[in-house]
Amino acid sequence: MKKILIETKTKSVVLLIVACQLFNTFCTRQHLPVSSFHNIEGHSEEKKLNSFLGAGVEKKADTHKINADEIIVTARKFLGVPHCMGGTTMKCMDCSGLVYAVFAKHGIILPHNSEDQARYGKIVSAIDKLRRGDLVFFVRSYKTRHLITHTGIFLGNDQFIHTSSRNGVTITSINDKYWKEKFIFGTRILE
């Protein structure tokens, strides 16, 4: 009886941990009031940014000389895959799941969390400085305590591939008013 009780408690703790991880990786496109991130009005976002930067950025990922074209070809294979929280497969995926799955297919292991992914690579602060294969990160795409709420892969020609809660894996203009206002920075993982 004692063994069964311990196993049940262990399973409950594991399920709670998995549920928390799934909640933290959720990416969606709910409409929120917009304000330019670069013109921070409140202290809340400034504190989030300082906390994010204080935890460390520009970690190196082992890229094995993979080039952007290979990453983009792989990413395009996921077009049309439906959105689901925590997903990383052809069945369904979320935004960080797309980035995770694409890079994993090339032996590059990144976390399955937008905010943690944003810690890898060299920061590219302006949209016009992005290169094909760069990761792109966004804020305020849903309410959370986290700074980074959405991610995708830059394709060039002002487009990025990402997972939308409405359209699944899709390609969108980074200059779309919604996304341009929420863009915070990109990161360059591939050299």
C-alpha atoms as a PDB file:
ATOM      1  CA  MET A   1       0.000   0.000   0.000  1.00  0.00           C
ATOM      2  CA  LYS A   2       2.850   2.383   0.916  1.00  0.00           C
ATOM      3  CA  LYS A   3       4.559   1.681  -2.450  1.00  0.00           C
ATOM      4  CA  ILE A   4       1.351   2.480  -4.376  1.00  0.00           C
ATOM      5  CA  LEU A   5       0.917   5.746  -2.430  1.00  0.00           C
ATOM      6  CA  ILE A   6       4.520   6.824  -3.220  1.00  0.00           C
ATOM      7  CA  GLU A   7       4.073   5.941  -6.923  1.00  0.00           C
ATOM      8  CA  THR A   8       0.810   7.934  -7.047  1.00  0.00           C
ATOM      9  CA  LYS A   9       2.446  10.982  -5.420  1.00  0.00           C
ATOM     10  CA  THR A  10       5.407  10.718  -7.832  1.00  0.00           C
ATOM     11  CA  LYS A  11       3.077  10.554 -10.849  1.00  0.00           C
ATOM     12  CA  SER A  12       1.150  13.579  -9.545  1.00  0.00           C
ATOM     13  CA  VAL A  13       4.338  15.612  -9.163  1.00  0.00           C
ATOM     14  CA  VAL A  14       5.493  14.641 -12.672  1.00  0.00           C
ATOM     15  CA  LEU A  15       2.106  15.596 -14.154  1.00  0.00           C
ATOM     16  CA  LEU A  16       2.211  18.933 -12.327  1.00  0.00           C
ATOM     17  CA  ILE A  17       5.708  19.655 -13.681  1.00  0.00           C
ATOM     18  CA  VAL A  18       4.656  18.762 -17.245  1.00  0.00           C
ATOM     19  CA  ALA A  19       1.530  20.934 -16.960  1.00  0.00           C
ATOM     20  CA  CYS A  20       3.633  23.889 -15.765  1.00  0.00           C
ATOM     21  CA  GLN A  21       6.081  23.443 -18.638  1.00  0.00           C
ATOM     22  CA  LEU A  22       3.249  23.260 -21.162  1.00  0.00           C
ATOM     23  CA  PHE A  23       1.673  26.416 -19.753  1.00  0.00           C
ATOM     24  CA  ASN A  24       4.981  28.282 -19.986  1.00  0.00           C
ATOM     25  CA  THR A  25       5.493  27.344 -23.661  1.00  0.00           C
ATOM     26  CA  PHE A  26       2.036  28.462 -24.813  1.00  0.00           C
ATOM     27  CA  CYS A  27       2.137  30.966 -27.673  1.00  0.00           C
ATOM     28  CA  THR A  28      -0.987  32.556 -29.045  1.00  0.00           C
ATOM     29  CA  ARG A  29      -2.161  35.669 -30.847  1.00  0.00           C
ATOM     30  CA  GLN A  30      -4.738  37.152 -28.507  1.00  0.00           C
ATOM     31  CA  HIS A  31      -5.235  40.857 -29.084  1.00  0.00           C
ATOM     32  CA  LEU A  32      -3.819  42.998 -26.298  1.00  0.00           C
ATOM     33  CA  PRO A  33      -3.483  46.773 -26.073  1.00  0.00           C
ATOM     34  CA  VAL A  34      -0.377  47.816 -27.992  1.00  0.00           C
ATOM     35  CA  SER A  35       2.389  50.138 -26.975  1.00  0.00           C
ATOM     36  CA  SER A  36       5.818  50.245 -28.513  1.00  0.00           C
ATOM     37  CA  PHE A  37       8.234  48.152 -26.482  1.00  0.00           C
ATOM     38  CA  HIS A  38      11.019  50.568 -27.284  1.00  0.00           C
ATOM     39  CA  ASN A  39       8.984  53.353 -25.666  1.00  0.00           C
ATOM     40  CA  ILE A  40       8.327  51.607 -22.377  1.00  0.00           C
ATOM     41  CA  GLU A  41       5.508  53.342 -20.567  1.00  0.00           C
ATOM     42  CA  GLY A  42       5.364  51.310 -17.361  1.00  0.00           C
ATOM     43  CA  HIS A  43       7.935  49.832 -15.059  1.00  0.00           C
ATOM     44  CA  SER A  44       6.589  46.304 -15.478  1.00  0.00           C
ATOM     45  CA  GLU A  45       8.108  45.672 -18.914  1.00  0.00           C
ATOM     46  CA  GLU A  46      11.313  47.473 -18.002  1.00  0.00           C
ATOM     47  CA  LYS A  47      11.689  45.167 -14.979  1.00  0.00           C
ATOM     48  CA  LYS A  48      10.993  42.125 -17.175  1.00  0.00           C
ATOM     49  CA  LEU A  49      13.636  43.233 -19.670  1.00  0.00           C
ATOM     50  CA  ASN A  50      16.214  43.887 -16.943  1.00  0.00           C
ATOM     51  CA  SER A  51      15.462  40.524 -15.353  1.00  0.00           C
ATOM     52  CA  PHE A  52      15.705  38.767 -18.717  1.00  0.00           C
ATOM     53  CA  LEU A  53      19.045  40.400 -19.565  1.00  0.00           C
ATOM     54  CA  GLY A  54      20.341  39.784 -16.046  1.00  0.00           C
ATOM     55  CA  ALA A  55      19.731  36.055 -16.399  1.00  0.00           C
ATOM     56  CA  GLY A  56      22.129  35.888 -19.356  1.00  0.00           C
ATOM     57  CA  VAL A  57      21.848  36.109 -23.105  1.00  0.00           C
ATOM     58  CA  GLU A  58      23.923  35.270 -26.188  1.00  0.00           C
ATOM     59  CA  LYS A  59      24.592  31.664 -25.192  1.00  0.00           C
ATOM     60  CA  LYS A  60      26.279  29.648 -27.907  1.00  0.00           C
ATOM     61  CA  ALA A  61      24.506  26.786 -29.646  1.00  0.00           C
ATOM     62  CA  ASP A  62      26.526  24.098 -31.413  1.00  0.00           C
ATOM     63  CA  THR A  63      25.438  24.681 -35.017  1.00  0.00           C
ATOM     64  CA  HIS A  64      27.663  22.113 -36.792  1.00  0.00           C
ATOM     65  CA  LYS A  65      28.066  24.439 -39.789  1.00  0.00           C
ATOM     66  CA  ILE A  66      24.365  24.216 -40.689  1.00  0.00           C
ATOM     67  CA  ASN A  67      23.301  26.972 -43.079  1.00  0.00           C
ATOM     68  CA  ALA A  68      20.132  29.040 -43.164  1.00  0.00           C
ATOM     69  CA  ASP A  69      18.814  27.429 -46.362  1.00  0.00           C
ATOM     70  CA  GLU A  70      18.794  23.992 -44.705  1.00  0.00           C
ATOM     71  CA  ILE A  71      16.936  25.363 -41.663  1.00  0.00           C
ATOM     72  CA  ILE A  72      14.365  27.125 -43.854  1.00  0.00           C
ATOM     73  CA  VAL A  73      13.737  24.054 -46.039  1.00  0.00           C
ATOM     74  CA  THR A  74      13.084  22.035 -42.882  1.00  0.00           C
ATOM     75  CA  ALA A  75      10.833  24.731 -41.389  1.00  0.00           C
ATOM     76  CA  ARG A  76       8.708  24.907 -44.548  1.00  0.00           C
ATOM     77  CA  LYS A  77       7.974  21.170 -44.241  1.00  0.00           C
ATOM     78  CA  PHE A  78       5.885  22.042 -41.171  1.00  0.00           C
ATOM     79  CA  LEU A  79       3.623  24.536 -42.984  1.00  0.00           C
ATOM     80  CA  GLY A  80      -0.032  23.848 -42.151  1.00  0.00           C
ATOM     81  CA  VAL A  81       0.671  21.817 -39.001  1.00  0.00           C
ATOM     82  CA  PRO A  82      -2.030  22.849 -36.499  1.00  0.00           C
ATOM     83  CA  HIS A  83      -1.317  24.718 -33.275  1.00  0.00           C
ATOM     84  CA  CYS A  84      -1.401  23.001 -29.910  1.00  0.00           C
ATOM     85  CA  MET A  85       0.154  23.997 -26.630  1.00  0.00           C
ATOM     86  CA  GLY A  86       3.380  22.102 -25.976  1.00  0.00           C
ATOM     87  CA  GLY A  87       3.443  20.319 -29.350  1.00  0.00           C
ATOM     88  CA  THR A  88       6.640  19.598 -31.309  1.00  0.00           C
ATOM     89  CA  THR A  89       5.486  17.139 -33.992  1.00  0.00           C
ATOM     90  CA  MET A  90       3.724  17.020 -37.367  1.00  0.00           C
ATOM     91  CA  LYS A  91       0.530  16.305 -35.422  1.00  0.00           C
ATOM     92  CA  CYS A  92       0.569  19.755 -33.766  1.00  0.00           C
ATOM     93  CA  MET A  93       2.988  22.313 -32.313  1.00  0.00           C
ATOM     94  CA  ASP A  94       3.334  25.686 -30.664  1.00  0.00           C
ATOM     95  CA  CYS A  95       5.705  28.506 -31.677  1.00  0.00           C
ATOM     96  CA  SER A  96       8.681  27.415 -29.591  1.00  0.00           C
ATOM     97  CA  GLY A  97       7.935  23.820 -30.579  1.00  0.00           C
ATOM     98  CA  LEU A  98       8.431  24.747 -34.246  1.00  0.00           C
ATOM     99  CA  VAL A  99      11.823  26.325 -33.539  1.00  0.00           C
ATOM    100  CA  TYR A 100      12.778  23.409 -31.288  1.00  0.00           C
ATOM    101  CA  ALA A 101      11.757  20.769 -33.869  1.00  0.00           C
ATOM    102  CA  VAL A 102      13.382  22.486 -36.864  1.00  0.00           C
ATOM    103  CA  PHE A 103      16.747  22.972 -35.185  1.00  0.00           C
ATOM    104  CA  ALA A 104      16.645  19.511 -33.541  1.00  0.00           C
ATOM    105  CA  LYS A 105      16.366  17.920 -37.002  1.00  0.00           C
ATOM    106  CA  HIS A 106      19.821  19.418 -37.650  1.00  0.00           C
ATOM    107  CA  GLY A 107      21.303  18.334 -34.320  1.00  0.00           C
ATOM    108  CA  ILE A 108      20.970  21.765 -32.691  1.00  0.00           C
ATOM    109  CA  ILE A 109      19.249  21.392 -29.349  1.00  0.00           C
ATOM    110  CA  LEU A 110      17.441  24.480 -28.095  1.00  0.00           C
ATOM    111  CA  PRO A 111      15.005  24.707 -25.178  1.00  0.00           C
ATOM    112  CA  HIS A 112      11.279  24.326 -25.872  1.00  0.00           C
ATOM    113  CA  ASN A 113      10.393  27.742 -24.479  1.00  0.00           C
ATOM    114  CA  SER A 114      10.398  31.082 -26.331  1.00  0.00           C
ATOM    115  CA  GLU A 115      12.047  33.034 -23.545  1.00  0.00           C
ATOM    116  CA  ASP A 116      14.781  30.433 -23.062  1.00  0.00           C
ATOM    117  CA  GLN A 117      15.366  30.221 -26.837  1.00  0.00           C
ATOM    118  CA  ALA A 118      15.902  33.995 -26.889  1.00  0.00           C
ATOM    119  CA  ARG A 119      19.019  33.506 -24.773  1.00  0.00           C
ATOM    120  CA  TYR A 120      20.848  31.715 -27.615  1.00  0.00           C
ATOM    121  CA  GLY A 121      22.783  33.395 -30.403  1.00  0.00           C
ATOM    122  CA  LYS A 122      23.936  36.944 -30.985  1.00  0.00           C
ATOM    123  CA  ILE A 123      21.223  39.579 -30.498  1.00  0.00           C
ATOM    124  CA  VAL A 124      20.082  41.417 -33.639  1.00  0.00           C
ATOM    125  CA  SER A 125      18.184  44.475 -32.461  1.00  0.00           C
ATOM    126  CA  ALA A 126      16.690  45.803 -35.723  1.00  0.00           C
ATOM    127  CA  ILE A 127      14.366  44.129 -38.228  1.00  0.00           C
ATOM    128  CA  ASP A 128      16.391  45.483 -41.157  1.00  0.00           C
ATOM    129  CA  LYS A 129      19.528  43.735 -39.821  1.00  0.00           C
ATOM    130  CA  LEU A 130      17.938  40.260 -39.720  1.00  0.00           C
ATOM    131  CA  ARG A 131      19.300  37.489 -41.937  1.00  0.00           C
ATOM    132  CA  ARG A 132      17.672  34.300 -43.203  1.00  0.00           C
ATOM    133  CA  GLY A 133      17.638  31.690 -40.447  1.00  0.00           C
ATOM    134  CA  ASP A 134      17.714  34.175 -37.554  1.00  0.00           C
ATOM    135  CA  LEU A 135      15.253  33.594 -34.738  1.00  0.00           C
ATOM    136  CA  VAL A 136      12.757  36.391 -34.118  1.00  0.00           C
ATOM    137  CA  PHE A 137      11.137  37.162 -30.769  1.00  0.00           C
ATOM    138  CA  PHE A 138       8.048  39.060 -29.739  1.00  0.00           C
ATOM    139  CA  VAL A 139       6.477  40.449 -26.567  1.00  0.00           C
ATOM    140  CA  ARG A 140       2.865  40.901 -25.441  1.00  0.00           C
ATOM    141  CA  SER A 141       1.248  38.314 -27.714  1.00  0.00           C
ATOM    142  CA  TYR A 142      -0.606  37.030 -24.649  1.00  0.00           C
ATOM    143  CA  LYS A 143      -0.753  37.873 -20.941  1.00  0.00           C
ATOM    144  CA  THR A 144       2.028  36.319 -18.916  1.00  0.00           C
ATOM    145  CA  ARG A 145       4.741  37.246 -16.458  1.00  0.00           C
ATOM    146  CA  HIS A 146       7.354  36.386 -19.121  1.00  0.00           C
ATOM    147  CA  LEU A 147       8.926  38.989 -21.374  1.00  0.00           C
ATOM    148  CA  ILE A 148       9.188  36.879 -24.554  1.00  0.00           C
ATOM    149  CA  THR A 149       5.847  35.420 -25.633  1.00  0.00           C
ATOM    150  CA  HIS A 150       6.320  34.347 -29.267  1.00  0.00           C
ATOM    151  CA  THR A 151       9.073  33.153 -31.594  1.00  0.00           C
ATOM    152  CA  GLY A 152       9.660  32.269 -35.225  1.00  0.00           C
ATOM    153  CA  ILE A 153      12.352  31.885 -37.886  1.00  0.00           C
ATOM    154  CA  PHE A 154      13.160  34.744 -40.256  1.00  0.00           C
ATOM    155  CA  LEU A 155      12.934  33.720 -43.930  1.00  0.00           C
ATOM    156  CA  GLY A 156      14.177  36.919 -45.544  1.00  0.00           C
ATOM    157  CA  ASN A 157      12.102  39.297 -47.682  1.00  0.00           C
ATOM    158  CA  ASP A 158      10.422  40.582 -44.489  1.00  0.00           C
ATOM    159  CA  GLN A 159       8.805  37.199 -43.766  1.00  0.00           C
ATOM    160  CA  PHE A 160       8.994  34.788 -40.865  1.00  0.00           C
ATOM    161  CA  ILE A 161       7.622  31.304 -40.270  1.00  0.00           C
ATOM    162  CA  HIS A 162       5.899  30.672 -36.952  1.00  0.00           C
ATOM    163  CA  THR A 163       2.963  28.890 -35.368  1.00  0.00           C
ATOM    164  CA  SER A 164      -0.227  30.898 -35.126  1.00  0.00           C
ATOM    165  CA  SER A 165      -3.048  29.750 -32.848  1.00  0.00           C
ATOM    166  CA  ARG A 166      -5.472  30.377 -35.736  1.00  0.00           C
ATOM    167  CA  ASN A 167      -3.536  29.124 -38.757  1.00  0.00           C
ATOM    168  CA  GLY A 168      -1.015  26.680 -37.349  1.00  0.00           C
ATOM    169  CA  VAL A 169       2.443  26.871 -38.903  1.00  0.00           C
ATOM    170  CA  THR A 170       2.299  29.767 -41.313  1.00  0.00           C
ATOM    171  CA  ILE A 171       4.369  32.491 -42.958  1.00  0.00           C
ATOM    172  CA  THR A 172       3.693  36.117 -42.031  1.00  0.00           C
ATOM    173  CA  SER A 173       5.236  39.482 -42.843  1.00  0.00           C
ATOM    174  CA  ILE A 174       7.352  40.716 -39.955  1.00  0.00           C
ATOM    175  CA  ASN A 175       6.137  44.180 -40.976  1.00  0.00           C
ATOM    176  CA  ASP A 176       2.528  43.169 -40.307  1.00  0.00           C
ATOM    177  CA  LYS A 177       1.333  45.909 -37.911  1.00  0.00           C
ATOM    178  CA  TYR A 178       0.537  43.416 -35.144  1.00  0.00           C
ATOM    179  CA  TRP A 179       3.921  41.681 -35.221  1.00  0.00           C
ATOM    180  CA  LYS A 180       6.068  44.740 -35.948  1.00  0.00           C
ATOM    181  CA  GLU A 181       4.766  46.442 -32.794  1.00  0.00           C
ATOM    182  CA  LYS A 182       5.584  43.348 -30.735  1.00  0.00           C
ATOM    183  CA  PHE A 183       9.037  42.547 -32.205  1.00  0.00           C
ATOM    184  CA  ILE A 184      11.716  42.906 -29.528  1.00  0.00           C
ATOM    185  CA  PHE A 185      14.833  41.450 -31.217  1.00  0.00           C
ATOM    186  CA  GLY A 186      16.208  38.594 -33.236  1.00  0.00           C
ATOM    187  CA  THR A 187      19.080  36.257 -32.491  1.00  0.00           C
ATOM    188  CA  ARG A 188      21.654  34.870 -34.896  1.00  0.00           C
ATOM    189  CA  ILE A 189      22.421  31.265 -34.071  1.00  0.00           C
ATOM    190  CA  LEU A 190      23.852  30.370 -37.474  1.00  0.00           C
ATOM    191  CA  GLU A 191      27.177  31.901 -38.471  1.00  0.00           C
END
